Amino acid sequence: MTTFTSTLPDSLLAQLNQYAKKLNIPKNKLIQKALSLYLDQLERAEYIKSFQQYKDDTDIFQIAEEGMTDYLNQLTNTDEAS
């Protein structure tokens, strides 16, 4: 594990201290969890944004429709073979 040193505003550090004591966990673990959750949210936001960019793209929609048709055919063929 790598050591990381940073500065924080006094008010944020006070909140960190408060919640670390309240939750009875080390400050570094609280920072680690908070950062992990924040980065997950950023990743999800990027994912959503990519879908929103293509929501009106007729070519992407057609490709998706063709893929769903192929998938439905595979399911139908599997059911008939059973």
PDB file of N, CA and C in Angstrom:
ATOM      1  N   MET A   1       0.846  -1.171   0.000  1.00  0.00           N
ATOM      2  CA  MET A   1       0.000   0.000   0.000  1.00  0.00           C
ATOM      3  C   MET A   1       0.892   1.235   0.000  1.00  0.00           C
ATOM      4  N   THR A   2       0.505   2.227  -0.757  1.00  0.00           N
ATOM      5  CA  THR A   2       1.271   3.455  -0.884  1.00  0.00           C
ATOM      6  C   THR A   2       0.795   4.491   0.127  1.00  0.00           C
ATOM      7  N   THR A   3       1.728   5.242   0.664  1.00  0.00           N
ATOM      8  CA  THR A   3       1.391   6.336   1.583  1.00  0.00           C
ATOM      9  C   THR A   3       1.089   7.583   0.769  1.00  0.00           C
ATOM     10  N   PHE A   4       0.057   8.290   1.178  1.00  0.00           N
ATOM     11  CA  PHE A   4      -0.380   9.495   0.486  1.00  0.00           C
ATOM     12  C   PHE A   4      -0.516  10.605   1.516  1.00  0.00           C
ATOM     13  N   THR A   5       0.042  11.760   1.230  1.00  0.00           N
ATOM     14  CA  THR A   5      -0.044  12.894   2.137  1.00  0.00           C
ATOM     15  C   THR A   5      -0.787  14.018   1.430  1.00  0.00           C
ATOM     16  N   SER A   6      -1.705  14.660   2.162  1.00  0.00           N
ATOM     17  CA  SER A   6      -2.496  15.726   1.564  1.00  0.00           C
ATOM     18  C   SER A   6      -2.849  16.763   2.626  1.00  0.00           C
ATOM     19  N   THR A   7      -3.311  17.901   2.187  1.00  0.00           N
ATOM     20  CA  THR A   7      -3.820  18.913   3.102  1.00  0.00           C
ATOM     21  C   THR A   7      -5.335  19.016   2.901  1.00  0.00           C
ATOM     22  N   LEU A   8      -6.027  19.331   3.984  1.00  0.00           N
ATOM     23  CA  LEU A   8      -7.482  19.477   3.944  1.00  0.00           C
ATOM     24  C   LEU A   8      -7.866  20.768   4.647  1.00  0.00           C
ATOM     25  N   PRO A   9      -8.958  21.368   4.225  1.00  0.00           N
ATOM     26  CA  PRO A   9      -9.452  22.531   4.979  1.00  0.00           C
ATOM     27  C   PRO A   9      -9.785  22.109   6.421  1.00  0.00           C
ATOM     28  N   ASP A  10      -9.607  23.039   7.346  1.00  0.00           N
ATOM     29  CA  ASP A  10      -9.845  22.727   8.760  1.00  0.00           C
ATOM     30  C   ASP A  10     -11.254  22.194   8.997  1.00  0.00           C
ATOM     31  N   SER A  11     -12.233  22.776   8.335  1.00  0.00           N
ATOM     32  CA  SER A  11     -13.621  22.341   8.551  1.00  0.00           C
ATOM     33  C   SER A  11     -13.833  20.901   8.078  1.00  0.00           C
ATOM     34  N   LEU A  12     -13.212  20.539   6.972  1.00  0.00           N
ATOM     35  CA  LEU A  12     -13.338  19.174   6.472  1.00  0.00           C
ATOM     36  C   LEU A  12     -12.607  18.193   7.385  1.00  0.00           C
ATOM     37  N   LEU A  13     -11.468  18.590   7.873  1.00  0.00           N
ATOM     38  CA  LEU A  13     -10.723  17.741   8.805  1.00  0.00           C
ATOM     39  C   LEU A  13     -11.503  17.554  10.103  1.00  0.00           C
ATOM     40  N   ALA A  14     -12.183  18.601  10.549  1.00  0.00           N
ATOM     41  CA  ALA A  14     -13.003  18.487  11.754  1.00  0.00           C
ATOM     42  C   ALA A  14     -14.142  17.490  11.535  1.00  0.00           C
ATOM     43  N   GLN A  15     -14.772  17.548  10.364  1.00  0.00           N
ATOM     44  CA  GLN A  15     -15.834  16.585  10.043  1.00  0.00           C
ATOM     45  C   GLN A  15     -15.275  15.168   9.992  1.00  0.00           C
ATOM     46  N   LEU A  16     -14.110  15.026   9.386  1.00  0.00           N
ATOM     47  CA  LEU A  16     -13.468  13.718   9.301  1.00  0.00           C
ATOM     48  C   LEU A  16     -13.208  13.159  10.697  1.00  0.00           C
ATOM     49  N   ASN A  17     -12.660  13.987  11.568  1.00  0.00           N
ATOM     50  CA  ASN A  17     -12.396  13.554  12.941  1.00  0.00           C
ATOM     51  C   ASN A  17     -13.691  13.160  13.651  1.00  0.00           C
ATOM     52  N   GLN A  18     -14.715  13.963  13.465  1.00  0.00           N
ATOM     53  CA  GLN A  18     -16.002  13.718  14.107  1.00  0.00           C
ATOM     54  C   GLN A  18     -16.585  12.358  13.682  1.00  0.00           C
ATOM     55  N   TYR A  19     -16.608  12.103  12.384  1.00  0.00           N
ATOM     56  CA  TYR A  19     -17.190  10.862  11.905  1.00  0.00           C
ATOM     57  C   TYR A  19     -16.302   9.653  12.170  1.00  0.00           C
ATOM     58  N   ALA A  20     -15.021   9.837  12.165  1.00  0.00           N
ATOM     59  CA  ALA A  20     -14.124   8.726  12.498  1.00  0.00           C
ATOM     60  C   ALA A  20     -14.374   8.276  13.936  1.00  0.00           C
ATOM     61  N   LYS A  21     -14.532   9.242  14.844  1.00  0.00           N
ATOM     62  CA  LYS A  21     -14.826   8.903  16.241  1.00  0.00           C
ATOM     63  C   LYS A  21     -16.221   8.294  16.363  1.00  0.00           C
ATOM     64  N   LYS A  22     -17.179   8.905  15.691  1.00  0.00           N
ATOM     65  CA  LYS A  22     -18.566   8.437  15.755  1.00  0.00           C
ATOM     66  C   LYS A  22     -18.701   7.002  15.241  1.00  0.00           C
ATOM     67  N   LEU A  23     -18.021   6.705  14.160  1.00  0.00           N
ATOM     68  CA  LEU A  23     -18.099   5.374  13.550  1.00  0.00           C
ATOM     69  C   LEU A  23     -17.054   4.414  14.114  1.00  0.00           C
ATOM     70  N   ASN A  24     -16.163   4.947  14.936  1.00  0.00           N
ATOM     71  CA  ASN A  24     -15.104   4.154  15.558  1.00  0.00           C
ATOM     72  C   ASN A  24     -14.231   3.441  14.519  1.00  0.00           C
ATOM     73  N   ILE A  25     -13.825   4.214  13.507  1.00  0.00           N
ATOM     74  CA  ILE A  25     -12.920   3.684  12.490  1.00  0.00           C
ATOM     75  C   ILE A  25     -11.792   4.690  12.271  1.00  0.00           C
ATOM     76  N   PRO A  26     -10.644   4.223  11.833  1.00  0.00           N
ATOM     77  CA  PRO A  26      -9.530   5.148  11.561  1.00  0.00           C
ATOM     78  C   PRO A  26      -9.882   6.121  10.430  1.00  0.00           C
ATOM     79  N   LYS A  27      -9.319   7.305  10.527  1.00  0.00           N
ATOM     80  CA  LYS A  27      -9.583   8.332   9.511  1.00  0.00           C
ATOM     81  C   LYS A  27      -9.187   7.865   8.116  1.00  0.00           C
ATOM     82  N   ASN A  28      -8.072   7.148   8.001  1.00  0.00           N
ATOM     83  CA  ASN A  28      -7.641   6.715   6.670  1.00  0.00           C
ATOM     84  C   ASN A  28      -8.645   5.735   6.055  1.00  0.00           C
ATOM     85  N   LYS A  29      -9.278   4.903   6.890  1.00  0.00           N
ATOM     86  CA  LYS A  29     -10.286   3.965   6.368  1.00  0.00           C
ATOM     87  C   LYS A  29     -11.535   4.722   5.918  1.00  0.00           C
ATOM     88  N   LEU A  30     -11.898   5.747   6.655  1.00  0.00           N
ATOM     89  CA  LEU A  30     -13.047   6.568   6.277  1.00  0.00           C
ATOM     90  C   LEU A  30     -12.780   7.308   4.966  1.00  0.00           C
ATOM     91  N   ILE A  31     -11.586   7.859   4.830  1.00  0.00           N
ATOM     92  CA  ILE A  31     -11.203   8.535   3.586  1.00  0.00           C
ATOM     93  C   ILE A  31     -11.196   7.542   2.433  1.00  0.00           C
ATOM     94  N   GLN A  32     -10.648   6.360   2.663  1.00  0.00           N
ATOM     95  CA  GLN A  32     -10.584   5.330   1.625  1.00  0.00           C
ATOM     96  C   GLN A  32     -11.981   4.958   1.143  1.00  0.00           C
ATOM     97  N   LYS A  33     -12.900   4.740   2.091  1.00  0.00           N
ATOM     98  CA  LYS A  33     -14.268   4.363   1.729  1.00  0.00           C
ATOM     99  C   LYS A  33     -14.967   5.509   0.998  1.00  0.00           C
ATOM    100  N   ALA A  34     -14.812   6.721   1.490  1.00  0.00           N
ATOM    101  CA  ALA A  34     -15.446   7.884   0.874  1.00  0.00           C
ATOM    102  C   ALA A  34     -14.931   8.101  -0.548  1.00  0.00           C
ATOM    103  N   LEU A  35     -13.646   7.977  -0.734  1.00  0.00           N
ATOM    104  CA  LEU A  35     -13.057   8.155  -2.055  1.00  0.00           C
ATOM    105  C   LEU A  35     -13.522   7.063  -3.012  1.00  0.00           C
ATOM    106  N   SER A  36     -13.574   5.855  -2.513  1.00  0.00           N
ATOM    107  CA  SER A  36     -14.034   4.737  -3.332  1.00  0.00           C
ATOM    108  C   SER A  36     -15.479   4.951  -3.790  1.00  0.00           C
ATOM    109  N   LEU A  37     -16.345   5.368  -2.865  1.00  0.00           N
ATOM    110  CA  LEU A  37     -17.748   5.633  -3.215  1.00  0.00           C
ATOM    111  C   LEU A  37     -17.855   6.779  -4.228  1.00  0.00           C
ATOM    112  N   TYR A  38     -17.067   7.818  -4.020  1.00  0.00           N
ATOM    113  CA  TYR A  38     -17.097   8.963  -4.930  1.00  0.00           C
ATOM    114  C   TYR A  38     -16.634   8.568  -6.336  1.00  0.00           C
ATOM    115  N   LEU A  39     -15.567   7.804  -6.419  1.00  0.00           N
ATOM    116  CA  LEU A  39     -15.063   7.376  -7.727  1.00  0.00           C
ATOM    117  C   LEU A  39     -16.056   6.453  -8.422  1.00  0.00           C
ATOM    118  N   ASP A  40     -16.754   5.601  -7.664  1.00  0.00           N
ATOM    119  CA  ASP A  40     -17.814   4.773  -8.237  1.00  0.00           C
ATOM    120  C   ASP A  40     -18.923   5.638  -8.817  1.00  0.00           C
ATOM    121  N   GLN A  41     -19.298   6.695  -8.101  1.00  0.00           N
ATOM    122  CA  GLN A  41     -20.330   7.613  -8.589  1.00  0.00           C
ATOM    123  C   GLN A  41     -19.885   8.305  -9.875  1.00  0.00           C
ATOM    124  N   LEU A  42     -18.630   8.707  -9.936  1.00  0.00           N
ATOM    125  CA  LEU A  42     -18.118   9.336 -11.157  1.00  0.00           C
ATOM    126  C   LEU A  42     -18.177   8.371 -12.336  1.00  0.00           C
ATOM    127  N   GLU A  43     -17.814   7.118 -12.086  1.00  0.00           N
ATOM    128  CA  GLU A  43     -17.843   6.108 -13.140  1.00  0.00           C
ATOM    129  C   GLU A  43     -19.265   5.868 -13.628  1.00  0.00           C
ATOM    130  N   ARG A  44     -20.197   5.798 -12.694  1.00  0.00           N
ATOM    131  CA  ARG A  44     -21.609   5.622 -13.073  1.00  0.00           C
ATOM    132  C   ARG A  44     -22.117   6.809 -13.873  1.00  0.00           C
ATOM    133  N   ALA A  45     -21.719   8.005 -13.467  1.00  0.00           N
ATOM    134  CA  ALA A  45     -22.136   9.211 -14.181  1.00  0.00           C
ATOM    135  C   ALA A  45     -21.609   9.193 -15.613  1.00  0.00           C
ATOM    136  N   GLU A  46     -20.376   8.747 -15.802  1.00  0.00           N
ATOM    137  CA  GLU A  46     -19.818   8.638 -17.152  1.00  0.00           C
ATOM    138  C   GLU A  46     -20.594   7.620 -17.974  1.00  0.00           C
ATOM    139  N   TYR A  47     -20.950   6.516 -17.356  1.00  0.00           N
ATOM    140  CA  TYR A  47     -21.712   5.459 -18.022  1.00  0.00           C
ATOM    141  C   TYR A  47     -23.073   5.987 -18.469  1.00  0.00           C
ATOM    142  N   ILE A  48     -23.751   6.684 -17.566  1.00  0.00           N
ATOM    143  CA  ILE A  48     -25.061   7.260 -17.891  1.00  0.00           C
ATOM    144  C   ILE A  48     -24.927   8.289 -19.003  1.00  0.00           C
ATOM    145  N   LYS A  49     -23.899   9.122 -18.910  1.00  0.00           N
ATOM    146  CA  LYS A  49     -23.680  10.155 -19.931  1.00  0.00           C
ATOM    147  C   LYS A  49     -23.453   9.526 -21.300  1.00  0.00           C
ATOM    148  N   SER A  50     -22.726   8.406 -21.343  1.00  0.00           N
ATOM    149  CA  SER A  50     -22.477   7.759 -22.635  1.00  0.00           C
ATOM    150  C   SER A  50     -23.774   7.249 -23.238  1.00  0.00           C
ATOM    151  N   PHE A  51     -24.673   6.729 -22.407  1.00  0.00           N
ATOM    152  CA  PHE A  51     -25.967   6.278 -22.921  1.00  0.00           C
ATOM    153  C   PHE A  51     -26.804   7.460 -23.388  1.00  0.00           C
ATOM    154  N   GLN A  52     -26.768   8.554 -22.644  1.00  0.00           N
ATOM    155  CA  GLN A  52     -27.540   9.740 -23.020  1.00  0.00           C
ATOM    156  C   GLN A  52     -27.050  10.332 -24.333  1.00  0.00           C
ATOM    157  N   GLN A  53     -25.755  10.234 -24.597  1.00  0.00           N
ATOM    158  CA  GLN A  53     -25.212  10.766 -25.841  1.00  0.00           C
ATOM    159  C   GLN A  53     -25.723   9.996 -27.053  1.00  0.00           C
ATOM    160  N   TYR A  54     -25.999   8.722 -26.857  1.00  0.00           N
ATOM    161  CA  TYR A  54     -26.392   7.881 -27.982  1.00  0.00           C
ATOM    162  C   TYR A  54     -27.881   7.571 -28.021  1.00  0.00           C
ATOM    163  N   LYS A  55     -28.670   8.166 -27.124  1.00  0.00           N
ATOM    164  CA  LYS A  55     -30.085   7.828 -27.067  1.00  0.00           C
ATOM    165  C   LYS A  55     -30.835   8.195 -28.347  1.00  0.00           C
ATOM    166  N   ASP A  56     -30.406   9.193 -29.053  1.00  0.00           N
ATOM    167  CA  ASP A  56     -31.070   9.609 -30.289  1.00  0.00           C
ATOM    168  C   ASP A  56     -30.318   9.168 -31.542  1.00  0.00           C
ATOM    169  N   ASP A  57     -29.297   8.340 -31.372  1.00  0.00           N
ATOM    170  CA  ASP A  57     -28.507   7.863 -32.505  1.00  0.00           C
ATOM    171  C   ASP A  57     -29.208   6.667 -33.141  1.00  0.00           C
ATOM    172  N   THR A  58     -29.760   6.859 -34.326  1.00  0.00           N
ATOM    173  CA  THR A  58     -30.539   5.800 -34.980  1.00  0.00           C
ATOM    174  C   THR A  58     -29.679   4.601 -35.357  1.00  0.00           C
ATOM    175  N   ASP A  59     -28.416   4.817 -35.685  1.00  0.00           N
ATOM    176  CA  ASP A  59     -27.539   3.697 -36.031  1.00  0.00           C
ATOM    177  C   ASP A  59     -27.317   2.787 -34.821  1.00  0.00           C
ATOM    178  N   ILE A  60     -27.054   3.378 -33.665  1.00  0.00           N
ATOM    179  CA  ILE A  60     -26.854   2.599 -32.443  1.00  0.00           C
ATOM    180  C   ILE A  60     -28.142   1.866 -32.086  1.00  0.00           C
ATOM    181  N   PHE A  61     -29.274   2.548 -32.227  1.00  0.00           N
ATOM    182  CA  PHE A  61     -30.564   1.925 -31.926  1.00  0.00           C
ATOM    183  C   PHE A  61     -30.800   0.719 -32.835  1.00  0.00           C
ATOM    184  N   GLN A  62     -30.490   0.850 -34.103  1.00  0.00           N
ATOM    185  CA  GLN A  62     -30.681  -0.248 -35.055  1.00  0.00           C
ATOM    186  C   GLN A  62     -29.771  -1.435 -34.702  1.00  0.00           C
ATOM    187  N   ILE A  63     -28.535  -1.157 -34.346  1.00  0.00           N
ATOM    188  CA  ILE A  63     -27.613  -2.227 -33.956  1.00  0.00           C
ATOM    189  C   ILE A  63     -28.153  -2.959 -32.729  1.00  0.00           C
ATOM    190  N   ALA A  64     -28.660  -2.204 -31.764  1.00  0.00           N
ATOM    191  CA  ALA A  64     -29.222  -2.815 -30.555  1.00  0.00           C
ATOM    192  C   ALA A  64     -30.437  -3.672 -30.898  1.00  0.00           C
ATOM    193  N   GLU A  65     -31.300  -3.171 -31.768  1.00  0.00           N
ATOM    194  CA  GLU A  65     -32.484  -3.930 -32.182  1.00  0.00           C
ATOM    195  C   GLU A  65     -32.085  -5.230 -32.884  1.00  0.00           C
ATOM    196  N   GLU A  66     -31.095  -5.163 -33.756  1.00  0.00           N
ATOM    197  CA  GLU A  66     -30.633  -6.366 -34.455  1.00  0.00           C
ATOM    198  C   GLU A  66     -30.059  -7.371 -33.465  1.00  0.00           C
ATOM    199  N   GLY A  67     -29.330  -6.872 -32.490  1.00  0.00           N
ATOM    200  CA  GLY A  67     -28.763  -7.745 -31.467  1.00  0.00           C
ATOM    201  C   GLY A  67     -29.859  -8.421 -30.653  1.00  0.00           C
ATOM    202  N   MET A  68     -30.912  -7.678 -30.323  1.00  0.00           N
ATOM    203  CA  MET A  68     -32.014  -8.264 -29.559  1.00  0.00           C
ATOM    204  C   MET A  68     -32.761  -9.298 -30.391  1.00  0.00           C
ATOM    205  N   THR A  69     -32.902  -9.063 -31.677  1.00  0.00           N
ATOM    206  CA  THR A  69     -33.555 -10.039 -32.556  1.00  0.00           C
ATOM    207  C   THR A  69     -32.748 -11.329 -32.602  1.00  0.00           C
ATOM    208  N   ASP A  70     -31.445 -11.204 -32.751  1.00  0.00           N
ATOM    209  CA  ASP A  70     -30.574 -12.390 -32.751  1.00  0.00           C
ATOM    210  C   ASP A  70     -30.677 -13.142 -31.432  1.00  0.00           C
ATOM    211  N   TYR A  71     -30.708 -12.410 -30.336  1.00  0.00           N
ATOM    212  CA  TYR A  71     -30.797 -13.036 -29.020  1.00  0.00           C
ATOM    213  C   TYR A  71     -32.130 -13.772 -28.868  1.00  0.00           C
ATOM    214  N   LEU A  72     -33.214 -13.156 -29.316  1.00  0.00           N
ATOM    215  CA  LEU A  72     -34.530 -13.795 -29.255  1.00  0.00           C
ATOM    216  C   LEU A  72     -34.546 -15.067 -30.097  1.00  0.00           C
ATOM    217  N   ASN A  73     -33.943 -15.021 -31.268  1.00  0.00           N
ATOM    218  CA  ASN A  73     -33.868 -16.216 -32.117  1.00  0.00           C
ATOM    219  C   ASN A  73     -33.082 -17.333 -31.437  1.00  0.00           C
ATOM    220  N   GLN A  74     -31.993 -16.980 -30.762  1.00  0.00           N
ATOM    221  CA  GLN A  74     -31.208 -17.985 -30.046  1.00  0.00           C
ATOM    222  C   GLN A  74     -32.034 -18.620 -28.929  1.00  0.00           C
ATOM    223  N   LEU A  75     -32.791 -17.799 -28.207  1.00  0.00           N
ATOM    224  CA  LEU A  75     -33.637 -18.323 -27.149  1.00  0.00           C
ATOM    225  C   LEU A  75     -34.715 -19.256 -27.703  1.00  0.00           C
ATOM    226  N   THR A  76     -35.308 -18.853 -28.809  1.00  0.00           N
ATOM    227  CA  THR A  76     -36.352 -19.649 -29.438  1.00  0.00           C
ATOM    228  C   THR A  76     -35.783 -20.981 -29.911  1.00  0.00           C
ATOM    229  N   ASN A  77     -34.621 -20.954 -30.541  1.00  0.00           N
ATOM    230  CA  ASN A  77     -33.977 -22.183 -31.021  1.00  0.00           C
ATOM    231  C   ASN A  77     -33.606 -23.113 -29.862  1.00  0.00           C
ATOM    232  N   THR A  78     -33.173 -22.541 -28.749  1.00  0.00           N
ATOM    233  CA  THR A  78     -32.826 -23.338 -27.579  1.00  0.00           C
ATOM    234  C   THR A  78     -34.064 -24.008 -27.005  1.00  0.00           C
ATOM    235  N   ASP A  79     -35.174 -23.254 -26.936  1.00  0.00           N
ATOM    236  CA  ASP A  79     -36.426 -23.804 -26.408  1.00  0.00           C
ATOM    237  C   ASP A  79     -36.944 -24.931 -27.292  1.00  0.00           C
ATOM    238  N   GLU A  80     -36.828 -24.763 -28.608  1.00  0.00           N
ATOM    239  CA  GLU A  80     -37.312 -25.780 -29.540  1.00  0.00           C
ATOM    240  C   GLU A  80     -36.463 -27.042 -29.476  1.00  0.00           C
ATOM    241  N   ALA A  81     -35.185 -26.883 -29.194  1.00  0.00           N
ATOM    242  CA  ALA A  81     -34.278 -28.031 -29.126  1.00  0.00           C
ATOM    243  C   ALA A  81     -34.477 -28.832 -27.838  1.00  0.00           C
ATOM    244  N   SER A  82     -35.036 -28.206 -26.835  1.00  0.00           N
ATOM    245  CA  SER A  82     -35.200 -28.873 -25.527  1.00  0.00           C
ATOM    246  C   SER A  82     -36.354 -29.827 -25.505  1.00  0.00           C
TER     247      SER A  82
END
